[in-house]
Protein backbone atom coordinates (compact mmCIF):
# COMPACT_ATOMS: atom_id res chain seq x y z
CA UNK A 1 -45.46 -15.12 -48.73
CA UNK A 2 -49.16 -15.27 -48.51
CA UNK A 3 -51.31 -13.30 -46.11
CA UNK A 4 -51.82 -15.03 -42.79
CA UNK A 5 -55.32 -15.66 -41.52
CA UNK A 6 -55.72 -18.55 -39.12
CA UNK A 7 -51.94 -18.68 -38.78
CA UNK A 8 -51.79 -15.42 -36.93
CA UNK A 9 -52.03 -16.95 -33.51
CA UNK A 10 -50.78 -14.00 -31.47
CA UNK A 11 -52.86 -11.18 -32.76
CA UNK A 12 -53.20 -9.60 -29.33
CA UNK A 13 -49.48 -9.44 -28.78
CA UNK A 14 -48.94 -8.18 -32.35
CA UNK A 15 -51.55 -5.44 -31.82
CA UNK A 16 -49.65 -4.34 -28.75
CA UNK A 17 -46.44 -4.09 -30.77
CA UNK A 18 -48.17 -1.93 -33.36
CA UNK A 19 -48.84 0.74 -30.79
CA UNK A 20 -46.43 0.84 -27.83
CA UNK A 21 -45.00 -2.20 -26.17
CA UNK A 22 -45.41 -0.66 -22.77
CA UNK A 23 -49.20 -0.66 -23.22
CA UNK A 24 -49.26 -4.44 -22.99
CA UNK A 25 -49.32 -5.70 -19.42
CA UNK A 26 -47.98 -9.21 -19.86
CA UNK A 27 -44.52 -10.57 -20.65
CA UNK A 28 -43.63 -11.60 -24.19
CA UNK A 29 -43.42 -15.16 -22.92
CA UNK A 30 -47.10 -15.39 -22.09
CA UNK A 31 -48.87 -18.39 -23.48
CA UNK A 32 -51.39 -16.33 -25.43
CA UNK A 33 -53.35 -13.12 -24.95
CA UNK A 34 -57.06 -13.32 -24.29
CA UNK A 35 -57.88 -12.09 -27.80
CA UNK A 36 -55.83 -14.84 -29.48
CA UNK A 37 -57.57 -17.77 -31.25
CA UNK A 38 -56.78 -21.05 -29.39
CA UNK A 39 -54.36 -23.07 -31.48
CA UNK A 40 -56.48 -26.20 -31.48
CA UNK A 41 -59.24 -24.12 -33.26
CA UNK A 42 -56.88 -22.26 -35.52
CA UNK A 43 -54.92 -25.23 -36.94
CA UNK A 44 -57.22 -28.00 -38.01
CA UNK A 45 -55.64 -28.91 -41.40
CA UNK A 46 -52.35 -29.11 -43.17
CA UNK A 47 -53.31 -25.91 -44.99
CA UNK A 48 -53.79 -24.15 -41.61
CA UNK A 49 -50.38 -25.44 -40.53
CA UNK A 50 -48.72 -24.04 -43.64
CA UNK A 51 -50.33 -20.64 -43.03
CA UNK A 52 -49.23 -20.68 -39.44
CA UNK A 53 -45.61 -21.48 -40.44
CA UNK A 54 -45.74 -18.61 -42.97
CA UNK A 55 -46.80 -16.37 -40.08
CA UNK A 56 -43.62 -17.32 -38.23
CA UNK A 57 -41.47 -16.45 -41.21
CA UNK A 58 -43.20 -13.11 -41.55
CA UNK A 59 -41.84 -12.22 -38.12
CA UNK A 60 -38.31 -12.45 -39.43
CA UNK A 61 -38.75 -9.43 -41.79
CA UNK A 62 -39.90 -7.13 -38.99
CA UNK A 63 -38.07 -3.79 -38.84
CA UNK A 64 -36.37 -4.83 -35.64
CA UNK A 65 -35.34 -8.24 -36.90
CA UNK A 66 -33.77 -9.43 -40.13
CA UNK A 67 -35.75 -6.93 -42.18
CA UNK A 68 -33.91 -4.03 -40.61
CA UNK A 69 -32.08 -3.50 -37.31
CA UNK A 70 -30.81 -6.94 -36.50
CA UNK A 71 -29.18 -7.58 -39.88
CA UNK A 72 -27.07 -4.37 -39.62
CA UNK A 73 -26.44 -4.58 -35.83
CA UNK A 74 -23.08 -6.41 -35.99
CA UNK A 75 -21.72 -4.15 -38.75
CA UNK A 76 -22.71 -0.83 -37.29
CA UNK A 77 -21.24 -1.77 -33.92
CA UNK A 78 -17.94 -2.75 -35.50
CA UNK A 79 -15.20 -0.94 -37.30
CA UNK A 80 -16.31 -0.88 -40.89
CA UNK A 81 -19.58 1.10 -41.15
CA UNK A 82 -20.82 4.47 -39.93
CA UNK A 83 -23.89 6.64 -40.11
CA UNK A 84 -23.87 9.65 -42.52
CA UNK A 85 -27.46 10.71 -42.06
CA UNK A 86 -28.89 12.57 -39.10
CA UNK A 87 -32.22 10.75 -38.87
CA UNK A 88 -31.23 8.71 -35.79
CA UNK A 89 -33.19 5.68 -36.77
CA UNK A 90 -30.65 2.89 -36.40
CA UNK A 91 -27.52 5.00 -35.83
CA UNK A 92 -27.85 5.22 -31.99
CA UNK A 93 -27.52 1.44 -31.92
CA UNK A 94 -24.29 1.57 -33.86
CA UNK A 95 -23.03 4.29 -31.47
CA UNK A 96 -23.71 2.08 -28.43
CA UNK A 97 -26.37 4.55 -27.19
CA UNK A 98 -28.62 2.08 -25.48
CA UNK A 99 -29.78 1.48 -21.92
CA UNK A 100 -32.52 -0.64 -20.32
CA UNK A 101 -35.16 1.94 -21.23
CA UNK A 102 -34.19 2.22 -24.92
CA UNK A 103 -36.41 1.05 -27.73
CA UNK A 104 -33.78 -1.15 -29.43
CA UNK A 105 -33.44 -3.82 -26.70
CA UNK A 106 -37.16 -3.81 -26.14
CA UNK A 107 -37.93 -4.22 -29.84
CA UNK A 108 -35.49 -7.12 -30.25
CA UNK A 109 -36.78 -8.81 -27.16
CA UNK A 110 -40.37 -8.34 -28.26
CA UNK A 111 -40.16 -9.70 -31.83
CA UNK A 112 -37.97 -12.65 -30.91
CA UNK A 113 -40.02 -13.89 -28.01
CA UNK A 114 -43.30 -13.38 -29.84
CA UNK A 115 -41.83 -15.44 -32.65
CA UNK A 116 -40.83 -18.18 -30.19
CA UNK A 117 -44.29 -18.12 -28.67
CA UNK A 118 -45.81 -18.65 -32.11
CA UNK A 119 -43.45 -21.52 -32.88
CA UNK A 120 -44.31 -23.33 -29.63
CA UNK A 121 -48.05 -22.81 -30.04
CA UNK A 122 -47.88 -24.17 -33.58
CA UNK A 123 -45.81 -27.16 -32.61
CA UNK A 124 -48.33 -28.11 -29.93
CA UNK A 125 -51.20 -27.75 -32.39
CA UNK A 126 -49.37 -29.74 -35.07
CA UNK A 127 -49.01 -32.63 -32.65
CA UNK A 128 -52.84 -32.86 -32.53
CA UNK A 129 -53.40 -32.95 -36.28
CA UNK A 130 -54.74 -36.08 -37.94
CA UNK A 131 -52.39 -36.36 -40.91
CA UNK A 132 -53.17 -38.40 -44.03
CA UNK A 133 -50.37 -40.52 -45.43
CA UNK A 134 -50.07 -38.23 -48.39
CA UNK A 135 -49.30 -35.28 -46.12
CA UNK A 136 -46.88 -36.95 -43.76
CA UNK A 137 -43.72 -35.67 -45.48
CA UNK A 138 -45.11 -32.12 -45.67
CA UNK A 139 -46.01 -32.01 -41.99
CA UNK A 140 -42.59 -33.46 -41.05
CA UNK A 141 -40.90 -30.75 -43.03
CA UNK A 142 -43.02 -27.99 -41.51
CA UNK A 143 -42.19 -29.22 -38.01
CA UNK A 144 -38.52 -29.34 -38.96
CA UNK A 145 -38.72 -25.72 -40.03
CA UNK A 146 -40.25 -24.76 -36.73
CA UNK A 147 -37.53 -26.39 -34.72
CA UNK A 148 -34.89 -24.75 -36.91
CA UNK A 149 -36.47 -21.35 -36.52
CA UNK A 150 -36.62 -21.86 -32.74
CA UNK A 151 -32.91 -22.64 -32.70
CA UNK A 152 -32.10 -19.63 -34.86
CA UNK A 153 -34.10 -17.19 -32.72
CA UNK A 154 -32.53 -18.43 -29.50
CA UNK A 155 -29.12 -18.04 -31.15
CA UNK A 156 -29.94 -14.46 -32.06
CA UNK A 157 -31.19 -13.70 -28.57
CA UNK A 158 -28.04 -15.23 -27.05
CA UNK A 159 -25.75 -13.03 -29.28
CA UNK A 160 -27.68 -9.89 -28.33
CA UNK A 161 -28.35 -10.41 -24.60
CA UNK A 162 -25.56 -12.75 -23.38
CA UNK A 163 -21.81 -12.89 -23.73
CA UNK A 164 -20.40 -14.99 -26.49
CA UNK A 165 -19.28 -18.49 -25.36
CA UNK A 166 -15.61 -17.76 -26.10
CA UNK A 167 -15.82 -14.49 -24.20
CA UNK A 168 -17.71 -15.61 -21.09
CA UNK A 169 -15.63 -16.60 -18.09
CA UNK A 170 -17.93 -19.58 -17.45
CA UNK A 171 -20.78 -20.96 -19.51
CA UNK A 172 -22.25 -22.53 -16.38
CA UNK A 173 -22.55 -19.27 -14.41
CA UNK A 174 -26.08 -18.60 -13.19
CA UNK A 175 -28.15 -16.21 -15.34
CA UNK A 176 -25.44 -16.08 -18.00
CA UNK A 177 -27.77 -17.11 -20.83
CA UNK A 178 -31.25 -16.08 -21.88
CA UNK A 179 -34.74 -17.11 -20.91
CA UNK A 180 -35.49 -20.31 -22.79
CA UNK A 181 -38.80 -20.54 -24.70
CA UNK A 182 -38.94 -24.18 -25.60
CA UNK A 183 -42.57 -24.76 -24.75
CA UNK A 184 -45.88 -23.03 -24.12
CA UNK A 185 -46.06 -21.31 -20.77
CA UNK A 186 -49.01 -20.43 -18.53
CA UNK A 187 -50.23 -16.86 -18.63
CA UNK A 188 -48.67 -15.97 -15.34
CA UNK A 189 -45.31 -17.55 -16.10
CA UNK A 190 -42.26 -15.44 -15.18
CA UNK A 191 -39.12 -16.64 -16.79
CA UNK A 192 -35.65 -16.75 -15.40
CA UNK A 193 -32.41 -16.81 -17.30
CA UNK A 194 -30.73 -20.09 -18.07
CA UNK A 195 -27.03 -20.58 -18.04
CA UNK A 196 -25.10 -19.95 -21.25
CA UNK A 197 -24.45 -23.67 -21.50
CA UNK A 198 -28.18 -24.50 -21.26
CA UNK A 199 -28.89 -21.82 -23.84
CA UNK A 200 -26.53 -23.17 -26.44
CA UNK A 201 -27.49 -26.79 -25.59
CA UNK A 202 -31.05 -25.90 -26.61
CA UNK A 203 -29.90 -24.19 -29.83
CA UNK A 204 -27.86 -27.18 -30.90
CA UNK A 205 -30.69 -29.55 -29.84
CA UNK A 206 -33.30 -27.77 -31.90
CA UNK A 207 -31.15 -27.72 -35.02
CA UNK A 208 -30.32 -31.38 -34.47
CA UNK A 209 -34.00 -32.22 -34.05
CA UNK A 210 -34.90 -30.33 -37.21
CA UNK A 211 -32.43 -32.12 -39.52
CA UNK A 212 -34.07 -35.52 -40.04
CA UNK A 213 -37.43 -33.82 -40.47
CA UNK A 214 -36.37 -31.34 -43.14
CA UNK A 215 -36.52 -31.84 -46.89
CA UNK A 216 -33.24 -31.49 -48.76
CA UNK A 217 -34.68 -29.87 -51.93
CA UNK A 218 -34.28 -26.09 -52.40
CA UNK A 219 -37.21 -24.25 -50.77
CA UNK A 220 -36.78 -20.54 -51.36
CA UNK A 221 -37.72 -18.44 -48.35
CA UNK A 222 -37.86 -21.44 -46.00
CA UNK A 223 -35.28 -23.38 -44.02
CA UNK A 224 -34.38 -26.71 -45.56
CA UNK A 225 -31.97 -29.44 -44.41
CA UNK A 226 -28.89 -27.68 -45.85
CA UNK A 227 -29.61 -24.31 -44.36
CA UNK A 228 -30.27 -25.87 -40.93
CA UNK A 229 -26.99 -27.86 -41.19
CA UNK A 230 -25.06 -24.69 -42.10
CA UNK A 231 -26.69 -22.78 -39.24
CA UNK A 232 -25.74 -25.53 -36.83
CA UNK A 233 -22.17 -25.35 -38.13
CA UNK A 234 -22.18 -21.67 -37.36
CA UNK A 235 -23.34 -22.26 -33.80
CA UNK A 236 -20.63 -24.93 -33.31
CA UNK A 237 -18.06 -22.40 -34.56
CA UNK A 238 -19.25 -19.92 -31.86
CA UNK A 239 -18.87 -22.68 -29.30
CA UNK A 240 -15.32 -23.42 -30.55
CA UNK A 241 -16.42 -26.99 -31.32
CA UNK A 242 -14.33 -27.08 -34.45
CA UNK A 243 -14.61 -30.79 -35.32
CA UNK A 244 -18.43 -30.53 -35.38
CA UNK A 245 -18.40 -27.19 -37.19
CA UNK A 246 -16.07 -28.59 -39.86
CA UNK A 247 -18.15 -31.77 -40.33
CA UNK A 248 -21.38 -29.83 -40.83
CA UNK A 249 -19.95 -27.14 -43.08
CA UNK A 250 -17.94 -29.64 -45.16
CA UNK A 251 -21.09 -31.66 -45.74
CA UNK A 252 -22.93 -28.53 -46.92
CA UNK A 253 -20.13 -27.61 -49.32
CA UNK A 254 -19.84 -31.10 -50.82
CA UNK A 255 -23.49 -32.17 -50.81
CA UNK A 256 -25.84 -29.25 -51.11
CA UNK A 257 -27.53 -28.22 -54.39
CA UNK A 258 -26.27 -24.60 -54.13
CA UNK A 259 -23.45 -22.99 -56.12
CA UNK A 260 -21.21 -20.05 -55.36
CA UNK A 261 -21.77 -16.70 -57.05
CA UNK A 262 -19.02 -15.98 -59.54
CA UNK A 263 -16.96 -13.05 -60.61
CA UNK A 264 -19.34 -12.67 -63.56
CA UNK A 265 -22.55 -12.33 -61.59
CA UNK A 266 -21.56 -11.24 -58.08
CA UNK A 267 -22.63 -7.65 -58.57
CA UNK A 268 -25.93 -8.47 -60.14
CA UNK A 269 -27.54 -11.13 -57.91
CA UNK A 270 -28.58 -9.02 -54.94
CA UNK A 271 -32.04 -8.13 -56.10
CA UNK A 272 -32.91 -11.69 -57.10
CA UNK A 273 -34.86 -14.18 -55.06
CA UNK A 274 -33.50 -17.70 -54.99
CA UNK A 275 -30.06 -16.82 -56.32
CA UNK A 276 -27.61 -19.71 -56.75
CA UNK A 277 -25.88 -19.71 -53.37
CA UNK A 278 -28.74 -18.32 -51.21
CA UNK A 279 -29.54 -21.11 -48.83
CA UNK A 280 -31.99 -19.21 -46.62
CA UNK A 281 -33.43 -15.75 -47.16
CA UNK A 282 -36.40 -14.12 -45.49
CA UNK A 283 -38.89 -13.04 -48.13
CA UNK A 284 -40.19 -9.47 -48.38
CA UNK A 285 -43.24 -8.45 -50.42
CA UNK A 286 -45.03 -5.26 -51.08
CA UNK A 287 -47.34 -6.13 -48.15
CA UNK A 288 -44.65 -7.50 -45.81
CA UNK A 289 -41.53 -5.37 -45.47
CA UNK A 290 -39.87 -3.03 -42.98
CA UNK A 291 -40.48 0.08 -45.15
CA UNK A 292 -38.38 3.06 -44.04
CA UNK A 293 -36.71 1.03 -41.28
CA UNK A 294 -35.56 -1.56 -43.79
CA UNK A 295 -32.05 -2.66 -44.64
CA UNK A 296 -32.43 -1.08 -48.01
CA UNK A 297 -33.45 2.32 -46.63
CA UNK A 298 -30.66 2.31 -44.07
CA UNK A 299 -27.93 1.49 -46.60
CA UNK A 300 -28.48 4.13 -49.26
CA UNK A 301 -27.96 7.90 -49.41
CA UNK A 302 -31.57 8.44 -50.75
CA UNK A 303 -32.82 6.62 -47.69
CA UNK A 304 -31.69 7.27 -44.13
CA UNK A 305 -28.04 7.00 -45.07
CA UNK A 306 -27.17 5.35 -41.71
CA UNK A 307 -24.92 2.56 -42.98
CA UNK A 308 -22.00 3.69 -45.12
CA UNK A 309 -18.48 2.25 -45.30
CA UNK A 310 -15.70 3.94 -43.36
CA UNK A 311 -12.81 5.18 -45.43
CA UNK A 312 -10.58 2.49 -43.91
CA UNK A 313 -12.98 -0.27 -44.87
CA UNK A 314 -13.32 0.96 -48.44
CA UNK A 315 -9.55 1.16 -48.77
CA UNK A 316 -9.31 -2.39 -47.33
CA UNK A 317 -11.89 -3.62 -49.92
CA UNK A 318 -10.28 -1.75 -52.85
CA UNK A 319 -6.67 -2.84 -52.10
CA UNK A 320 -6.98 -5.72 -54.55
CA UNK A 321 -8.16 -4.28 -57.86
CA UNK A 322 -9.10 -7.72 -59.09
CA UNK A 323 -11.49 -8.46 -56.21
CA UNK A 324 -14.99 -8.03 -57.57
CA UNK A 325 -16.44 -7.60 -54.09
CA UNK A 326 -15.04 -4.08 -53.94
CA UNK A 327 -17.61 -3.14 -56.60
CA UNK A 328 -20.30 -3.74 -54.01
CA UNK A 329 -19.33 -0.47 -52.38
CA UNK A 330 -20.38 2.55 -54.56
CA UNK A 331 -20.30 6.25 -53.97
CA UNK A 332 -23.71 7.76 -53.41
CA UNK A 333 -25.06 11.10 -52.25
CA UNK A 334 -28.50 12.65 -51.93
CA UNK A 335 -28.27 15.74 -54.03
CA UNK A 336 -24.96 16.62 -52.43
CA UNK A 337 -25.71 15.36 -48.93
CA UNK A 338 -24.39 12.26 -47.17
CA UNK A 339 -21.70 11.49 -49.72
CA UNK A 340 -19.95 8.21 -49.01
CA UNK A 341 -19.40 4.68 -50.23
CA UNK A 342 -22.54 2.61 -49.65
CA UNK A 343 -23.09 -1.17 -49.77
CA UNK A 344 -24.97 -2.39 -52.79
CA UNK A 345 -26.31 -5.64 -51.34
CA UNK A 346 -29.79 -4.16 -50.82
CA UNK A 347 -30.61 -2.35 -54.11
CA UNK A 348 -34.34 -3.12 -53.91
CA UNK A 349 -36.53 -5.04 -56.37
CA UNK A 350 -38.54 -3.36 -59.12
CA UNK A 351 -37.32 0.03 -58.06
CA UNK A 352 -38.66 -0.40 -54.49
CA UNK A 353 -35.91 0.15 -51.88
CA UNK A 354 -38.08 -1.53 -49.23
CA UNK A 355 -37.96 -4.87 -51.06
CA UNK A 356 -34.74 -6.61 -50.09
CA UNK A 357 -34.60 -10.19 -48.84
CA UNK A 358 -32.10 -10.51 -46.02
CA UNK A 359 -29.85 -13.50 -46.72
CA UNK A 360 -29.55 -15.34 -43.43
CA UNK A 361 -27.27 -18.10 -44.73
CA UNK A 362 -25.28 -18.30 -48.01
CA UNK A 363 -23.10 -21.09 -49.31
CA UNK A 364 -20.11 -18.75 -49.15
CA UNK A 365 -20.44 -18.67 -45.40
CA UNK A 366 -20.36 -22.46 -45.26
CA UNK A 367 -16.99 -22.32 -47.06
CA UNK A 368 -15.73 -19.77 -44.55
CA UNK A 369 -17.02 -21.77 -41.51
CA UNK A 370 -15.26 -24.86 -42.81
CA UNK A 371 -12.02 -22.96 -43.38
CA UNK A 372 -12.06 -21.36 -39.93
CA UNK A 373 -12.88 -24.63 -38.15
CA UNK A 374 -10.11 -26.43 -40.02
CA UNK A 375 -7.49 -23.75 -39.33
CA UNK A 376 -8.39 -23.98 -35.63
CA UNK A 377 -7.59 -27.67 -35.60
CA UNK A 378 -10.90 -29.17 -36.56
CA UNK A 379 -10.91 -32.56 -38.28
CA UNK A 380 -13.71 -34.33 -40.10
CA UNK A 381 -14.01 -37.12 -42.58
CA UNK A 382 -14.00 -35.88 -46.15
CA UNK A 383 -13.11 -32.30 -45.19
CA UNK A 384 -10.62 -30.26 -47.21
CA UNK A 385 -7.90 -27.99 -45.98
CA UNK A 386 -8.68 -24.41 -44.97
CA UNK A 387 -6.64 -23.17 -47.95
CA UNK A 388 -8.70 -25.32 -50.35
CA UNK A 389 -11.96 -23.76 -49.14
CA UNK A 390 -10.54 -20.23 -49.30
CA UNK A 391 -9.00 -20.85 -52.75
CA UNK A 392 -12.32 -21.99 -54.18
CA UNK A 393 -14.14 -19.00 -52.73
CA UNK A 394 -11.54 -16.53 -53.94
CA UNK A 395 -11.52 -18.00 -57.47
CA UNK A 396 -15.15 -16.98 -57.65
CA UNK A 397 -14.43 -13.50 -56.34
CA UNK A 398 -11.04 -12.48 -57.68
CA UNK A 399 -10.19 -12.40 -61.36
CA UNK A 400 -6.86 -14.03 -62.21
CA UNK A 401 -6.53 -15.50 -58.74
CA UNK A 402 -3.59 -17.79 -57.94
CA UNK A 403 -4.01 -20.49 -55.24
CA UNK A 404 -2.24 -20.11 -51.90
CA UNK A 405 -0.70 -23.07 -50.04
CA UNK A 406 -1.93 -22.08 -46.56
CA UNK A 407 -4.04 -19.49 -44.73
CA UNK A 408 -4.10 -18.11 -41.20
CA UNK A 409 -7.07 -17.25 -38.95
CA UNK A 410 -6.50 -13.57 -39.75
CA UNK A 411 -6.68 -14.34 -43.44
CA UNK A 412 -10.05 -16.08 -42.94
CA UNK A 413 -11.47 -13.32 -40.70
CA UNK A 414 -10.48 -10.78 -43.32
CA UNK A 415 -12.20 -12.92 -45.93
CA UNK A 416 -15.30 -12.94 -43.81
CA UNK A 417 -15.19 -9.09 -43.68
CA UNK A 418 -14.90 -8.90 -47.45
CA UNK A 419 -17.57 -11.54 -48.15
CA UNK A 420 -20.20 -11.00 -45.49
CA UNK A 421 -20.28 -7.22 -44.80
CA UNK A 422 -23.76 -5.91 -43.91
CA UNK A 423 -25.04 -9.48 -43.47
CA UNK A 424 -24.87 -9.53 -39.68
CA UNK A 425 -21.48 -10.91 -38.61
CA UNK A 426 -18.62 -8.42 -38.22
CA UNK A 427 -18.52 -7.51 -34.55
CA UNK A 428 -19.33 -11.03 -33.38
CA UNK A 429 -16.65 -12.49 -35.65
CA UNK A 430 -14.08 -10.19 -34.00
CA UNK A 431 -15.19 -10.67 -30.40
CA UNK A 432 -15.61 -14.40 -30.54
CA UNK A 433 -11.98 -14.64 -31.69
CA UNK A 434 -10.67 -12.41 -28.90
CA UNK A 435 -10.19 -9.33 -31.15
CA UNK A 436 -11.36 -5.77 -30.51
CA UNK A 437 -13.16 -3.40 -32.88
CA UNK A 438 -12.64 0.29 -33.33
CA UNK A 439 -16.09 1.75 -33.66
CA UNK A 440 -16.22 5.16 -35.48
CA UNK A 441 -18.04 6.70 -32.50
CA UNK A 442 -17.25 4.63 -29.47
CA UNK A 443 -13.60 3.84 -30.21
CA UNK A 444 -12.07 0.53 -29.14
CA UNK A 445 -14.59 -2.01 -27.87
CA UNK A 446 -13.61 -5.50 -26.67
CA UNK A 447 -15.95 -8.47 -26.32
CA UNK A 448 -15.92 -8.37 -22.55
CA UNK A 449 -17.15 -4.70 -22.47
CA UNK A 450 -20.58 -4.57 -20.84
CA UNK A 451 -21.78 -2.57 -23.84
CA UNK A 452 -20.95 -5.53 -26.06
CA UNK A 453 -24.30 -7.03 -25.01
CA UNK A 454 -27.71 -5.35 -24.63
CA UNK A 455 -29.59 -4.81 -21.41
CA UNK A 456 -32.67 -6.81 -20.55
CA UNK A 457 -35.49 -4.31 -21.19
CA UNK A 458 -36.67 -2.59 -18.04
CA UNK A 459 -40.22 -3.56 -18.85
CA UNK A 460 -39.31 -7.26 -18.63
CA UNK A 461 -37.36 -6.67 -15.45
CA UNK A 462 -40.40 -5.08 -13.84
CA UNK A 463 -42.71 -7.84 -14.94
CA UNK A 464 -40.38 -10.57 -13.70
CA UNK A 465 -40.45 -9.27 -10.12
CA UNK A 466 -37.87 -9.28 -7.38
CA UNK A 467 -36.77 -12.85 -7.90
CA UNK A 468 -37.12 -13.01 -11.70
CA UNK A 469 -34.71 -11.84 -14.31
CA UNK A 470 -31.13 -10.78 -13.64
CA UNK A 471 -29.96 -7.69 -15.46
CA UNK A 472 -26.76 -7.69 -17.48
CA UNK A 473 -23.76 -6.04 -15.83
CA UNK A 474 -23.48 -2.28 -16.29
CA UNK A 475 -27.18 -1.67 -16.78
CA UNK A 476 -28.41 -1.76 -13.18
CA UNK A 477 -28.69 1.96 -12.73
């Protein structure tokens, strides 16, 4: 990822984030700070547009987003992982120690809405470009990436700050969703929360808009057609729209240029960029990474040691001696301290523990989405049975595997735990299916627990004024 120059359209907001968020007086939804370069001056060529889009992707590897806290959020809040270290970097999040004044909600809110503001500014600027015929396909693809990123970021906001669709009593309830950032806003704009239905309608709409614009060829570090289609399938799964989820995921499995990792290479692919089944990963470099608040530093004893497997999860993984995935949990300690089984999905590149690309979508997850949607009654032309998808995945994970004739929802959810641990899914997979988790610190937590979602940051509540944002239940005090 090259360094951003003209593409850094929100330098003023970014500068506020580098110091303290509370020092900035405007909401994260502001159109642009006074120190920002106007987009019509900043993007005057296709090269400028490419740089600007790179700037959007650089946001994803922030310490509070996929580069660190967000990627591990769903695992640390669930049953399978615990903190061994005492550094208290990410561990308070996993222990549900957050209120409206805490840094975690504020940091998530900040990075995600700044990212959305960049996307909207760039889309407006791109619409004004005079594009030569030779550049038409490139510009279409870049616009498609922006729409897909906008859908993804809203999806992430909705999972953090709103109830899951299958948990909420009503998707049409007022203020049940998040503030939508689907356009540029005036400087004095004060957002209000949409309904959950409106929120997910926008997410689906953005992914749907992106698809005909996106190229289908592999494009490492960027969203292509297949990654967007798989992400839309995932959103449909959260909505319990199983026909649609199955259709999208089945199309990815049958038509994409990606291939599953195998039993021969599964333990060796995690420090490689562009590995066979990686559909979308956010790129880290020596210049752009989350450093000590990175997924690599959290998940190793020589780092902060704040994401280790529970004994129960390790025993669950090791129960089948032929399942290669159990080898991705290895005992580590730091000179005798913090001894535990740690995940090996973030080993670092070139000996640098900071350099791990978070994998936001893998082909294996498309298999699992298809299986879950089918077992829940989904139908789609050309789709296979749930057992067929699971059998194919397991053959590439378990030596000497014998096909099964059928699978249950619990089988599939267990397969997701084995396949996707520390990739940002566990607690949401449980809650969206009506299941509880047993957190090592908090104990039993159900999806309708107020602590299952984060508070709107107090800073944003104050900015929004008396008739602005509505706080999530349980965080009013």
